[in-house]
C-alpha atoms as a PDB file:
ATOM      1  CA  UNK A   1      49.145 -60.050  -3.236  1.00  0.00           C
ATOM      2  CA  UNK A   2      47.304 -58.667  -0.217  1.00  0.00           C
ATOM      3  CA  UNK A   3      46.917 -60.936   2.785  1.00  0.00           C
ATOM      4  CA  UNK A   4      43.379 -61.951   3.710  1.00  0.00           C
ATOM      5  CA  UNK A   5      42.146 -59.952   6.721  1.00  0.00           C
ATOM      6  CA  UNK A   6      41.868 -61.675  10.088  1.00  0.00           C
ATOM      7  CA  UNK A   7      38.342 -63.070  10.468  1.00  0.00           C
ATOM      8  CA  UNK A   8      35.819 -62.313  13.161  1.00  0.00           C
ATOM      9  CA  UNK A   9      34.784 -65.800  14.372  1.00  0.00           C
ATOM     10  CA  UNK A  10      31.786 -67.292  16.105  1.00  0.00           C
ATOM     11  CA  UNK A  11      31.526 -71.047  16.726  1.00  0.00           C
ATOM     12  CA  UNK A  12      28.160 -72.400  17.837  1.00  0.00           C
ATOM     13  CA  UNK A  13      26.414 -75.706  18.414  1.00  0.00           C
ATOM     14  CA  UNK A  14      23.825 -76.787  15.868  1.00  0.00           C
ATOM     15  CA  UNK A  15      20.906 -75.430  17.906  1.00  0.00           C
ATOM     16  CA  UNK A  16      18.149 -73.318  16.329  1.00  0.00           C
ATOM     17  CA  UNK A  17      17.881 -71.448  19.631  1.00  0.00           C
ATOM     18  CA  UNK A  18      21.230 -69.812  18.826  1.00  0.00           C
ATOM     19  CA  UNK A  19      20.048 -68.078  15.635  1.00  0.00           C
ATOM     20  CA  UNK A  20      19.467 -64.818  17.538  1.00  0.00           C
ATOM     21  CA  UNK A  21      23.122 -64.900  18.643  1.00  0.00           C
ATOM     22  CA  UNK A  22      24.230 -65.394  15.022  1.00  0.00           C
ATOM     23  CA  UNK A  23      22.106 -62.462  13.861  1.00  0.00           C
ATOM     24  CA  UNK A  24      23.471 -60.209  16.632  1.00  0.00           C
ATOM     25  CA  UNK A  25      27.071 -61.232  15.848  1.00  0.00           C
ATOM     26  CA  UNK A  26      26.750 -60.518  12.116  1.00  0.00           C
ATOM     27  CA  UNK A  27      24.887 -57.256  12.747  1.00  0.00           C
ATOM     28  CA  UNK A  28      27.692 -56.157  15.077  1.00  0.00           C
ATOM     29  CA  UNK A  29      30.331 -56.957  12.462  1.00  0.00           C
ATOM     30  CA  UNK A  30      28.387 -54.940   9.875  1.00  0.00           C
ATOM     31  CA  UNK A  31      28.145 -51.975  12.260  1.00  0.00           C
ATOM     32  CA  UNK A  32      31.911 -52.059  12.873  1.00  0.00           C
ATOM     33  CA  UNK A  33      32.422 -52.134   9.096  1.00  0.00           C
ATOM     34  CA  UNK A  34      30.210 -49.047   8.677  1.00  0.00           C
ATOM     35  CA  UNK A  35      27.567 -50.742   6.532  1.00  0.00           C
ATOM     36  CA  UNK A  36      24.263 -48.974   6.070  1.00  0.00           C
ATOM     37  CA  UNK A  37      21.001 -50.461   7.345  1.00  0.00           C
ATOM     38  CA  UNK A  38      19.983 -51.975   3.984  1.00  0.00           C
ATOM     39  CA  UNK A  39      23.307 -53.785   3.481  1.00  0.00           C
ATOM     40  CA  UNK A  40      23.374 -54.916   7.122  1.00  0.00           C
ATOM     41  CA  UNK A  41      19.856 -56.338   6.841  1.00  0.00           C
ATOM     42  CA  UNK A  42      20.743 -58.256   3.659  1.00  0.00           C
ATOM     43  CA  UNK A  43      23.875 -59.811   5.191  1.00  0.00           C
ATOM     44  CA  UNK A  44      22.111 -60.698   8.462  1.00  0.00           C
ATOM     45  CA  UNK A  45      19.128 -62.237   6.634  1.00  0.00           C
ATOM     46  CA  UNK A  46      21.299 -64.285   4.245  1.00  0.00           C
ATOM     47  CA  UNK A  47      23.462 -65.549   7.113  1.00  0.00           C
ATOM     48  CA  UNK A  48      20.388 -66.448   9.175  1.00  0.00           C
ATOM     49  CA  UNK A  49      18.992 -68.456   6.232  1.00  0.00           C
ATOM     50  CA  UNK A  50      22.319 -70.206   5.661  1.00  0.00           C
ATOM     51  CA  UNK A  51      22.802 -71.178   9.322  1.00  0.00           C
ATOM     52  CA  UNK A  52      19.169 -72.299   9.542  1.00  0.00           C
ATOM     53  CA  UNK A  53      19.677 -74.534   6.468  1.00  0.00           C
ATOM     54  CA  UNK A  54      22.863 -76.046   7.901  1.00  0.00           C
ATOM     55  CA  UNK A  55      21.138 -76.847  11.193  1.00  0.00           C
ATOM     56  CA  UNK A  56      17.971 -78.276   9.602  1.00  0.00           C
ATOM     57  CA  UNK A  57      19.544 -80.166   6.694  1.00  0.00           C
ATOM     58  CA  UNK A  58      23.323 -80.665   6.903  1.00  0.00           C
ATOM     59  CA  UNK A  59      23.363 -81.355  10.646  1.00  0.00           C
ATOM     60  CA  UNK A  60      19.983 -83.102  10.862  1.00  0.00           C
ATOM     61  CA  UNK A  61      20.267 -85.734  13.574  1.00  0.00           C
ATOM     62  CA  UNK A  62      23.684 -84.416  14.705  1.00  0.00           C
ATOM     63  CA  UNK A  63      23.023 -81.738  17.355  1.00  0.00           C
ATOM     64  CA  UNK A  64      26.639 -82.095  18.541  1.00  0.00           C
ATOM     65  CA  UNK A  65      27.910 -80.715  15.221  1.00  0.00           C
ATOM     66  CA  UNK A  66      29.248 -77.154  15.222  1.00  0.00           C
ATOM     67  CA  UNK A  67      29.073 -74.271  12.787  1.00  0.00           C
ATOM     68  CA  UNK A  68      31.829 -71.701  12.473  1.00  0.00           C
ATOM     69  CA  UNK A  69      30.834 -68.275  11.168  1.00  0.00           C
ATOM     70  CA  UNK A  70      33.777 -66.264   9.821  1.00  0.00           C
ATOM     71  CA  UNK A  71      33.347 -62.620   8.794  1.00  0.00           C
ATOM     72  CA  UNK A  72      36.072 -60.893   6.791  1.00  0.00           C
ATOM     73  CA  UNK A  73      36.033 -57.110   6.395  1.00  0.00           C
ATOM     74  CA  UNK A  74      37.423 -56.063   3.025  1.00  0.00           C
ATOM     75  CA  UNK A  75      37.745 -52.448   1.810  1.00  0.00           C
ATOM     76  CA  UNK A  76      34.753 -52.826  -0.533  1.00  0.00           C
ATOM     77  CA  UNK A  77      32.874 -55.872   0.797  1.00  0.00           C
ATOM     78  CA  UNK A  78      32.018 -58.168   3.662  1.00  0.00           C
ATOM     79  CA  UNK A  79      32.640 -61.884   3.254  1.00  0.00           C
ATOM     80  CA  UNK A  80      30.799 -64.397   5.425  1.00  0.00           C
ATOM     81  CA  UNK A  81      31.971 -68.013   5.468  1.00  0.00           C
ATOM     82  CA  UNK A  82      30.042 -70.817   7.152  1.00  0.00           C
ATOM     83  CA  UNK A  83      32.034 -73.947   7.959  1.00  0.00           C
ATOM     84  CA  UNK A  84      29.745 -76.877   8.707  1.00  0.00           C
ATOM     85  CA  UNK A  85      30.166 -80.569   9.473  1.00  0.00           C
ATOM     86  CA  UNK A  86      27.580 -81.890   7.004  1.00  0.00           C
ATOM     87  CA  UNK A  87      27.842 -84.159   3.987  1.00  0.00           C
ATOM     88  CA  UNK A  88      29.221 -82.534   0.812  1.00  0.00           C
ATOM     89  CA  UNK A  89      26.668 -80.133  -0.655  1.00  0.00           C
ATOM     90  CA  UNK A  90      26.419 -79.114  -4.306  1.00  0.00           C
ATOM     91  CA  UNK A  91      25.040 -75.582  -4.385  1.00  0.00           C
ATOM     92  CA  UNK A  92      24.965 -75.632  -8.191  1.00  0.00           C
ATOM     93  CA  UNK A  93      22.405 -78.470  -8.031  1.00  0.00           C
ATOM     94  CA  UNK A  94      19.886 -76.195  -6.283  1.00  0.00           C
ATOM     95  CA  UNK A  95      17.603 -74.815  -9.011  1.00  0.00           C
ATOM     96  CA  UNK A  96      17.122 -71.106  -9.556  1.00  0.00           C
ATOM     97  CA  UNK A  97      13.472 -70.687  -8.574  1.00  0.00           C
ATOM     98  CA  UNK A  98      10.880 -68.450 -10.134  1.00  0.00           C
ATOM     99  CA  UNK A  99      10.127 -65.890  -7.389  1.00  0.00           C
ATOM    100  CA  UNK A 100       6.417 -65.945  -8.356  1.00  0.00           C
ATOM    101  CA  UNK A 101       6.147 -69.710  -7.802  1.00  0.00           C
ATOM    102  CA  UNK A 102       4.086 -70.564  -4.742  1.00  0.00           C
ATOM    103  CA  UNK A 103       5.650 -73.283  -2.623  1.00  0.00           C
ATOM    104  CA  UNK A 104       6.461 -74.114   0.960  1.00  0.00           C
ATOM    105  CA  UNK A 105      10.170 -74.243   1.767  1.00  0.00           C
ATOM    106  CA  UNK A 106      13.082 -74.236  -0.626  1.00  0.00           C
ATOM    107  CA  UNK A 107      13.539 -70.479  -0.472  1.00  0.00           C
ATOM    108  CA  UNK A 108      16.752 -70.355   1.597  1.00  0.00           C
ATOM    109  CA  UNK A 109      19.214 -70.603  -1.295  1.00  0.00           C
ATOM    110  CA  UNK A 110      16.969 -68.356  -3.414  1.00  0.00           C
ATOM    111  CA  UNK A 111      17.148 -65.673  -0.706  1.00  0.00           C
ATOM    112  CA  UNK A 112      20.916 -66.032  -0.299  1.00  0.00           C
ATOM    113  CA  UNK A 113      21.390 -65.643  -4.066  1.00  0.00           C
ATOM    114  CA  UNK A 114      19.079 -62.606  -4.135  1.00  0.00           C
ATOM    115  CA  UNK A 115      20.585 -60.856  -1.105  1.00  0.00           C
ATOM    116  CA  UNK A 116      24.304 -61.461  -1.671  1.00  0.00           C
ATOM    117  CA  UNK A 117      26.579 -60.591  -4.599  1.00  0.00           C
ATOM    118  CA  UNK A 118      28.520 -63.871  -4.531  1.00  0.00           C
ATOM    119  CA  UNK A 119      27.524 -67.306  -3.258  1.00  0.00           C
ATOM    120  CA  UNK A 120      29.614 -70.480  -3.490  1.00  0.00           C
ATOM    121  CA  UNK A 121      30.062 -73.728  -1.589  1.00  0.00           C
ATOM    122  CA  UNK A 122      33.132 -75.962  -1.432  1.00  0.00           C
ATOM    123  CA  UNK A 123      33.488 -79.344   0.308  1.00  0.00           C
ATOM    124  CA  UNK A 124      36.035 -79.609   3.136  1.00  0.00           C
ATOM    125  CA  UNK A 125      37.173 -83.209   2.828  1.00  0.00           C
ATOM    126  CA  UNK A 126      34.891 -86.148   3.615  1.00  0.00           C
ATOM    127  CA  UNK A 127      32.624 -84.127   5.909  1.00  0.00           C
ATOM    128  CA  UNK A 128      31.970 -80.459   5.986  1.00  0.00           C
ATOM    129  CA  UNK A 129      31.466 -77.577   3.607  1.00  0.00           C
ATOM    130  CA  UNK A 130      32.480 -73.956   3.382  1.00  0.00           C
ATOM    131  CA  UNK A 131      29.664 -71.722   2.204  1.00  0.00           C
ATOM    132  CA  UNK A 132      31.076 -68.371   1.061  1.00  0.00           C
ATOM    133  CA  UNK A 133      28.848 -65.307   0.724  1.00  0.00           C
ATOM    134  CA  UNK A 134      30.077 -61.862  -0.296  1.00  0.00           C
ATOM    135  CA  UNK A 135      28.210 -58.562  -0.197  1.00  0.00           C
ATOM    136  CA  UNK A 136      29.846 -55.595  -1.883  1.00  0.00           C
ATOM    137  CA  UNK A 137      29.402 -52.349   0.000  1.00  0.00           C
ATOM    138  CA  UNK A 138      31.022 -49.013   0.531  1.00  0.00           C
ATOM    139  CA  UNK A 139      31.414 -48.312   4.235  1.00  0.00           C
ATOM    140  CA  UNK A 140      29.921 -45.037   5.420  1.00  0.00           C
ATOM    141  CA  UNK A 141      32.663 -42.453   5.862  1.00  0.00           C
ATOM    142  CA  UNK A 142      32.010 -40.201   8.846  1.00  0.00           C
ATOM    143  CA  UNK A 143      32.040 -36.515   7.953  1.00  0.00           C
ATOM    144  CA  UNK A 144      34.373 -34.662  10.277  1.00  0.00           C
ATOM    145  CA  UNK A 145      33.154 -31.381  11.732  1.00  0.00           C
ATOM    146  CA  UNK A 146      35.310 -28.334  12.111  1.00  0.00           C
ATOM    147  CA  UNK A 147      38.251 -26.952  10.177  1.00  0.00           C
END
């Protein structure tokens, strides 16, 4: 069995003003991994939605709570885990929405499901969850010049 790669980590306070930092961090990880622009955009957008949801819902009223963003680079995918300090969350209870339905809000999980190849959430004891998102991708292989 192969060992899980060492994660790239970012730990932030539950402050919506830090979303730009999260986006820059995840974009940087994707660039190191050699992801193309389309894959990078999908991962950044899904992570932004997930962190936004944690801050607005799981950590509502708890600005001192932190979020840890872990990025794992695998040979054929990028895995992003969000570790929050919120109450247990049942992702399966969130309905699969009709994309044509007009409504305000409630699109975060829909977007994460649409943008990522895998999405799951596990409780971490009495408080906290681990949201796991995986995007399969083939890193760009630089073409060497010369003989």
